[in-house]
Amino acid sequence: MGGNPAVDGLADHAARCRLELHGASRRDLGNTMPSSCTTFTSTLQSQRYRFRS
């Protein structure tokens, strides 16, 4: 990435969440989602809007 530690950290967390979600959907047929990752996703969305402006 652009060498921005904050962005790199976000990407690392997102990758970990994807693995977590993948494991959860295999176990629970997609019915449960780790709330930390759900919260993280909405946080990331609002951060993206902030980066654009």
Foldseek 3Di string as FASTA:
>chain_A
DPPDVVVVVLVVVLVVLVVVQVVCCVVPVNPDHPVVNVVSVVVVVVVVVVVVD
